[in-house]
Amino acid sequence: MMTRPSTHIGHVDTVFCCGVFIVPPALQSRARCELPSHLVLLRVAVVVVVFAIVAAIGWWFERHRRTDAPPQSADQVPGPRQLDRADFARPEAPWLVALFTSATCESCQGLYDKAKPLESPDVVVVECEFPRERELHARYHIEAAPLTVVADGRGVVHATLVGAYDATELWTTVAEVRNADGERQEP
């Protein structure tokens, strides 16, 4: 170990060894370097400014990352708004429940069985399964299955159910549509 003669830094005796000033343990408590108060305040100010800049950048990115949801209008309801009743069985019936399904759709299985009890002299229930009824799916722009529509005698669609449903949901929807149109619900 090479040592140089003691050097005075302030009032503390140190030894220079291997490029480092070594302060004896007995003198370490007095060897602390104290910054003037204006430098401490400058350091605090720099930390606060850096934090404020980082927070502002984070806020700006968060604000510009999110976009508002697109405006919703009645035109964005899936499924047709008008049907040609001549395309379906019993066009003279006052109400039509049309199920647009697909042979490969698992959630479509059993929907016709849930809708079939609605069949009556006033309500016709029709299943339009893709690909067997490909032309009807294309004509009415059905892009996803299952899709169930409830239409009146003129073909105006009053309700649309997207996806699978339970029987009660469909029956309630049909009853509400028929009642809203001024027709008496059958017991």
C-alpha atoms as a PDB file:
ATOM      1  CA  MET A   1       0.000   0.000   0.000  1.00  0.00           C
ATOM      2  CA  MET A   2       1.426   3.273  -1.113  1.00  0.00           C
ATOM      3  CA  THR A   3       0.597   6.214   0.986  1.00  0.00           C
ATOM      4  CA  ARG A   4       1.214   9.845   0.610  1.00  0.00           C
ATOM      5  CA  PRO A   5       1.748  12.174   3.421  1.00  0.00           C
ATOM      6  CA  SER A   6      -1.367  13.363   5.199  1.00  0.00           C
ATOM      7  CA  THR A   7      -3.364  16.038   3.503  1.00  0.00           C
ATOM      8  CA  HIS A   8      -5.659  18.489   5.158  1.00  0.00           C
ATOM      9  CA  ILE A   9      -9.146  18.857   3.724  1.00  0.00           C
ATOM     10  CA  GLY A  10     -10.806  21.457   5.814  1.00  0.00           C
ATOM     11  CA  HIS A  11      -9.958  20.455   9.348  1.00  0.00           C
ATOM     12  CA  VAL A  12      -9.817  16.633   8.814  1.00  0.00           C
ATOM     13  CA  ASP A  13      -6.585  14.682   8.405  1.00  0.00           C
ATOM     14  CA  THR A  14      -6.771  12.198   5.493  1.00  0.00           C
ATOM     15  CA  VAL A  15      -4.515   9.659   3.897  1.00  0.00           C
ATOM     16  CA  PHE A  16      -4.405   9.265   0.112  1.00  0.00           C
ATOM     17  CA  CYS A  17      -4.286   5.563  -0.796  1.00  0.00           C
ATOM     18  CA  CYS A  18      -4.772   3.970  -4.243  1.00  0.00           C
ATOM     19  CA  GLY A  19      -6.333   7.140  -5.645  1.00  0.00           C
ATOM     20  CA  VAL A  20      -8.786   7.580  -2.772  1.00  0.00           C
ATOM     21  CA  PHE A  21      -8.670   9.832   0.230  1.00  0.00           C
ATOM     22  CA  ILE A  22      -9.135   7.716   3.353  1.00  0.00           C
ATOM     23  CA  VAL A  23     -10.517   9.316   6.463  1.00  0.00           C
ATOM     24  CA  PRO A  24      -9.706   7.532   9.704  1.00  0.00           C
ATOM     25  CA  PRO A  25     -12.845   6.200  11.469  1.00  0.00           C
ATOM     26  CA  ALA A  26     -12.306   8.444  14.472  1.00  0.00           C
ATOM     27  CA  LEU A  27     -12.535  11.478  12.237  1.00  0.00           C
ATOM     28  CA  GLN A  28     -15.377  10.345   9.901  1.00  0.00           C
ATOM     29  CA  SER A  29     -18.149  12.068  11.822  1.00  0.00           C
ATOM     30  CA  ARG A  30     -16.384  15.385  11.332  1.00  0.00           C
ATOM     31  CA  ALA A  31     -15.604  14.632   7.666  1.00  0.00           C
ATOM     32  CA  ARG A  32     -19.141  14.881   6.363  1.00  0.00           C
ATOM     33  CA  CYS A  33     -19.483  17.247   3.468  1.00  0.00           C
ATOM     34  CA  GLU A  34     -22.252  19.721   4.050  1.00  0.00           C
ATOM     35  CA  LEU A  35     -23.739  21.549   1.068  1.00  0.00           C
ATOM     36  CA  PRO A  36     -24.620  25.170   1.396  1.00  0.00           C
ATOM     37  CA  SER A  37     -28.377  25.703   1.819  1.00  0.00           C
ATOM     38  CA  HIS A  38     -28.794  27.351  -1.587  1.00  0.00           C
ATOM     39  CA  LEU A  39     -27.430  24.187  -3.280  1.00  0.00           C
ATOM     40  CA  VAL A  40     -29.827  21.994  -1.304  1.00  0.00           C
ATOM     41  CA  LEU A  41     -32.721  24.184  -2.422  1.00  0.00           C
ATOM     42  CA  LEU A  42     -31.470  24.013  -6.012  1.00  0.00           C
ATOM     43  CA  ARG A  43     -31.411  20.202  -5.883  1.00  0.00           C
ATOM     44  CA  VAL A  44     -34.953  20.085  -4.466  1.00  0.00           C
ATOM     45  CA  ALA A  45     -36.153  22.506  -7.157  1.00  0.00           C
ATOM     46  CA  VAL A  46     -34.596  20.360  -9.910  1.00  0.00           C
ATOM     47  CA  VAL A  47     -36.275  17.216  -8.536  1.00  0.00           C
ATOM     48  CA  VAL A  48     -39.662  18.987  -8.359  1.00  0.00           C
ATOM     49  CA  VAL A  49     -39.309  20.333 -11.927  1.00  0.00           C
ATOM     50  CA  VAL A  50     -38.284  16.909 -13.302  1.00  0.00           C
ATOM     51  CA  PHE A  51     -41.237  15.275 -11.518  1.00  0.00           C
ATOM     52  CA  ALA A  52     -43.629  17.906 -12.911  1.00  0.00           C
ATOM     53  CA  ILE A  53     -42.313  17.357 -16.448  1.00  0.00           C
ATOM     54  CA  VAL A  54     -42.656  13.582 -16.175  1.00  0.00           C
ATOM     55  CA  ALA A  55     -46.193  13.943 -14.772  1.00  0.00           C
ATOM     56  CA  ALA A  56     -47.178  16.348 -17.568  1.00  0.00           C
ATOM     57  CA  ILE A  57     -45.825  14.004 -20.239  1.00  0.00           C
ATOM     58  CA  GLY A  58     -47.679  11.066 -18.656  1.00  0.00           C
ATOM     59  CA  TRP A  59     -50.905  13.079 -18.486  1.00  0.00           C
ATOM     60  CA  TRP A  60     -50.528  14.141 -22.141  1.00  0.00           C
ATOM     61  CA  PHE A  61     -49.981  10.548 -23.320  1.00  0.00           C
ATOM     62  CA  GLU A  62     -52.933   9.272 -21.270  1.00  0.00           C
ATOM     63  CA  ARG A  63     -55.191  12.048 -22.560  1.00  0.00           C
ATOM     64  CA  HIS A  64     -54.261  11.414 -26.198  1.00  0.00           C
ATOM     65  CA  ARG A  65     -54.251   7.613 -25.934  1.00  0.00           C
ATOM     66  CA  ARG A  66     -57.946   7.352 -25.188  1.00  0.00           C
ATOM     67  CA  THR A  67     -60.437   8.108 -27.892  1.00  0.00           C
ATOM     68  CA  ASP A  68     -64.087   8.821 -27.431  1.00  0.00           C
ATOM     69  CA  ALA A  69     -66.512   6.084 -28.318  1.00  0.00           C
ATOM     70  CA  PRO A  70     -68.037   6.548 -31.742  1.00  0.00           C
ATOM     71  CA  PRO A  71     -71.448   8.143 -31.675  1.00  0.00           C
ATOM     72  CA  GLN A  72     -74.229   5.601 -31.508  1.00  0.00           C
ATOM     73  CA  SER A  73     -77.217   6.006 -33.756  1.00  0.00           C
ATOM     74  CA  ALA A  74     -80.277   3.957 -34.533  1.00  0.00           C
ATOM     75  CA  ASP A  75     -78.687   3.030 -37.866  1.00  0.00           C
ATOM     76  CA  GLN A  76     -76.064   0.933 -36.095  1.00  0.00           C
ATOM     77  CA  VAL A  77     -78.509  -1.682 -34.823  1.00  0.00           C
ATOM     78  CA  PRO A  78     -77.474  -5.008 -36.374  1.00  0.00           C
ATOM     79  CA  GLY A  79     -79.875  -6.735 -38.678  1.00  0.00           C
ATOM     80  CA  PRO A  80     -82.465  -5.579 -41.134  1.00  0.00           C
ATOM     81  CA  ARG A  81     -85.035  -2.849 -40.460  1.00  0.00           C
ATOM     82  CA  GLN A  82     -87.513  -4.066 -43.059  1.00  0.00           C
ATOM     83  CA  LEU A  83     -88.303  -7.554 -44.360  1.00  0.00           C
ATOM     84  CA  ASP A  84     -90.225  -8.606 -47.441  1.00  0.00           C
ATOM     85  CA  ARG A  85     -92.824 -10.896 -45.900  1.00  0.00           C
ATOM     86  CA  ALA A  86     -93.103 -12.771 -49.226  1.00  0.00           C
ATOM     87  CA  ASP A  87     -89.615 -14.154 -48.516  1.00  0.00           C
ATOM     88  CA  PHE A  88     -90.952 -16.075 -45.510  1.00  0.00           C
ATOM     89  CA  ALA A  89     -93.655 -18.650 -44.816  1.00  0.00           C
ATOM     90  CA  ARG A  90     -97.213 -17.472 -44.140  1.00  0.00           C
ATOM     91  CA  PRO A  91     -96.818 -13.825 -45.184  1.00  0.00           C
ATOM     92  CA  GLU A  92    -100.445 -13.192 -44.185  1.00  0.00           C
ATOM     93  CA  ALA A  93     -99.673 -13.802 -40.481  1.00  0.00           C
ATOM     94  CA  PRO A  94     -99.622 -10.567 -38.445  1.00  0.00           C
ATOM     95  CA  TRP A  95     -96.240 -11.361 -36.828  1.00  0.00           C
ATOM     96  CA  LEU A  96     -92.994 -13.007 -37.942  1.00  0.00           C
ATOM     97  CA  VAL A  97     -90.182 -14.307 -35.768  1.00  0.00           C
ATOM     98  CA  ALA A  98     -87.235 -14.982 -38.090  1.00  0.00           C
ATOM     99  CA  LEU A  99     -84.163 -16.759 -36.727  1.00  0.00           C
ATOM    100  CA  PHE A 100     -81.051 -16.263 -38.843  1.00  0.00           C
ATOM    101  CA  THR A 101     -78.771 -19.125 -37.804  1.00  0.00           C
ATOM    102  CA  SER A 102     -75.840 -21.099 -39.158  1.00  0.00           C
ATOM    103  CA  ALA A 103     -75.261 -24.836 -39.400  1.00  0.00           C
ATOM    104  CA  THR A 104     -71.780 -24.411 -37.892  1.00  0.00           C
ATOM    105  CA  CYS A 105     -72.847 -22.120 -35.027  1.00  0.00           C
ATOM    106  CA  GLU A 106     -72.864 -23.808 -31.612  1.00  0.00           C
ATOM    107  CA  SER A 107     -74.845 -21.041 -29.905  1.00  0.00           C
ATOM    108  CA  CYS A 108     -77.527 -21.349 -32.627  1.00  0.00           C
ATOM    109  CA  GLN A 109     -78.339 -24.910 -31.595  1.00  0.00           C
ATOM    110  CA  GLY A 110     -81.675 -25.138 -29.814  1.00  0.00           C
ATOM    111  CA  LEU A 111     -82.871 -21.599 -30.543  1.00  0.00           C
ATOM    112  CA  TYR A 112     -85.574 -22.783 -32.935  1.00  0.00           C
ATOM    113  CA  ASP A 113     -86.872 -25.133 -30.233  1.00  0.00           C
ATOM    114  CA  LYS A 114     -87.159 -22.144 -27.872  1.00  0.00           C
ATOM    115  CA  ALA A 115     -89.014 -20.068 -30.458  1.00  0.00           C
ATOM    116  CA  LYS A 116     -91.317 -22.793 -31.821  1.00  0.00           C
ATOM    117  CA  PRO A 117     -93.884 -22.533 -28.948  1.00  0.00           C
ATOM    118  CA  LEU A 118     -94.620 -18.968 -30.157  1.00  0.00           C
ATOM    119  CA  GLU A 119     -96.079 -20.412 -33.378  1.00  0.00           C
ATOM    120  CA  SER A 120     -99.811 -19.581 -33.593  1.00  0.00           C
ATOM    121  CA  PRO A 121    -102.304 -18.328 -36.172  1.00  0.00           C
ATOM    122  CA  ASP A 122    -100.972 -14.793 -35.488  1.00  0.00           C
ATOM    123  CA  VAL A 123     -97.238 -15.600 -35.238  1.00  0.00           C
ATOM    124  CA  VAL A 124     -95.106 -17.507 -37.713  1.00  0.00           C
ATOM    125  CA  VAL A 125     -91.671 -18.747 -36.612  1.00  0.00           C
ATOM    126  CA  VAL A 126     -89.104 -19.345 -39.363  1.00  0.00           C
ATOM    127  CA  GLU A 127     -85.504 -20.521 -39.140  1.00  0.00           C
ATOM    128  CA  CYS A 128     -83.213 -19.285 -41.933  1.00  0.00           C
ATOM    129  CA  GLU A 129     -80.132 -21.466 -41.585  1.00  0.00           C
ATOM    130  CA  PHE A 130     -76.931 -20.627 -43.419  1.00  0.00           C
ATOM    131  CA  PRO A 131     -75.817 -22.036 -45.896  1.00  0.00           C
ATOM    132  CA  ARG A 132     -79.202 -23.588 -46.745  1.00  0.00           C
ATOM    133  CA  GLU A 133     -80.809 -20.093 -46.870  1.00  0.00           C
ATOM    134  CA  ARG A 134     -77.700 -18.297 -48.178  1.00  0.00           C
ATOM    135  CA  GLU A 135     -79.775 -15.971 -50.421  1.00  0.00           C
ATOM    136  CA  LEU A 136     -81.819 -14.626 -47.486  1.00  0.00           C
ATOM    137  CA  HIS A 137     -78.688 -14.031 -45.409  1.00  0.00           C
ATOM    138  CA  ALA A 138     -77.141 -12.117 -48.316  1.00  0.00           C
ATOM    139  CA  ARG A 139     -80.314 -10.163 -49.118  1.00  0.00           C
ATOM    140  CA  TYR A 140     -80.715  -8.930 -45.540  1.00  0.00           C
ATOM    141  CA  HIS A 141     -76.961  -8.471 -44.932  1.00  0.00           C
ATOM    142  CA  ILE A 142     -76.809 -10.957 -42.062  1.00  0.00           C
ATOM    143  CA  GLU A 143     -73.127 -11.195 -41.198  1.00  0.00           C
ATOM    144  CA  ALA A 144     -73.283 -12.958 -37.848  1.00  0.00           C
ATOM    145  CA  ALA A 145     -75.468 -15.626 -36.314  1.00  0.00           C
ATOM    146  CA  PRO A 146     -77.601 -16.064 -34.353  1.00  0.00           C
ATOM    147  CA  LEU A 147     -79.755 -13.037 -35.092  1.00  0.00           C
ATOM    148  CA  THR A 148     -83.488 -13.082 -34.385  1.00  0.00           C
ATOM    149  CA  VAL A 149     -85.897 -10.422 -35.651  1.00  0.00           C
ATOM    150  CA  VAL A 150     -89.553  -9.810 -34.789  1.00  0.00           C
ATOM    151  CA  ALA A 151     -91.451  -8.162 -37.645  1.00  0.00           C
ATOM    152  CA  ASP A 152     -95.053  -7.150 -38.151  1.00  0.00           C
ATOM    153  CA  GLY A 153     -97.350  -8.004 -41.084  1.00  0.00           C
ATOM    154  CA  ARG A 154     -95.844  -5.250 -43.241  1.00  0.00           C
ATOM    155  CA  GLY A 155     -92.298  -6.532 -42.569  1.00  0.00           C
ATOM    156  CA  VAL A 156     -91.268  -3.688 -40.252  1.00  0.00           C
ATOM    157  CA  VAL A 157     -88.762  -5.029 -37.714  1.00  0.00           C
ATOM    158  CA  HIS A 158     -89.809  -4.104 -34.168  1.00  0.00           C
ATOM    159  CA  ALA A 159     -87.160  -6.033 -32.205  1.00  0.00           C
ATOM    160  CA  THR A 160     -83.776  -7.634 -32.831  1.00  0.00           C
ATOM    161  CA  LEU A 161     -82.050 -10.157 -30.567  1.00  0.00           C
ATOM    162  CA  VAL A 162     -78.351 -10.660 -31.219  1.00  0.00           C
ATOM    163  CA  GLY A 163     -76.798 -13.872 -29.945  1.00  0.00           C
ATOM    164  CA  ALA A 164     -78.252 -16.752 -28.004  1.00  0.00           C
ATOM    165  CA  TYR A 165     -81.124 -16.204 -25.608  1.00  0.00           C
ATOM    166  CA  ASP A 166     -83.352 -18.134 -23.269  1.00  0.00           C
ATOM    167  CA  ALA A 167     -86.986 -18.821 -24.146  1.00  0.00           C
ATOM    168  CA  THR A 168     -88.325 -16.346 -21.607  1.00  0.00           C
ATOM    169  CA  GLU A 169     -86.343 -13.494 -23.116  1.00  0.00           C
ATOM    170  CA  LEU A 170     -87.717 -14.171 -26.599  1.00  0.00           C
ATOM    171  CA  TRP A 171     -91.291 -14.700 -25.406  1.00  0.00           C
ATOM    172  CA  THR A 172     -91.177 -11.478 -23.384  1.00  0.00           C
ATOM    173  CA  THR A 173     -89.784  -9.539 -26.341  1.00  0.00           C
ATOM    174  CA  VAL A 174     -92.518 -10.810 -28.668  1.00  0.00           C
ATOM    175  CA  ALA A 175     -95.234 -10.068 -26.079  1.00  0.00           C
ATOM    176  CA  GLU A 176     -93.930  -6.518 -25.514  1.00  0.00           C
ATOM    177  CA  VAL A 177     -93.767  -5.822 -29.254  1.00  0.00           C
ATOM    178  CA  ARG A 178     -97.275  -7.152 -29.832  1.00  0.00           C
ATOM    179  CA  ASN A 179     -98.670  -5.191 -26.873  1.00  0.00           C
ATOM    180  CA  ALA A 180     -96.932  -2.001 -27.975  1.00  0.00           C
ATOM    181  CA  ASP A 181     -98.605  -2.382 -31.363  1.00  0.00           C
ATOM    182  CA  GLY A 182    -102.029  -2.423 -29.683  1.00  0.00           C
ATOM    183  CA  GLU A 183    -102.643  -6.128 -30.058  1.00  0.00           C
ATOM    184  CA  ARG A 184    -103.897  -8.292 -27.199  1.00  0.00           C
ATOM    185  CA  GLN A 185    -101.434 -10.831 -25.905  1.00  0.00           C
ATOM    186  CA  GLU A 186    -102.632 -14.415 -26.091  1.00  0.00           C
ATOM    187  CA  PRO A 187    -102.711 -16.328 -22.781  1.00  0.00           C
END
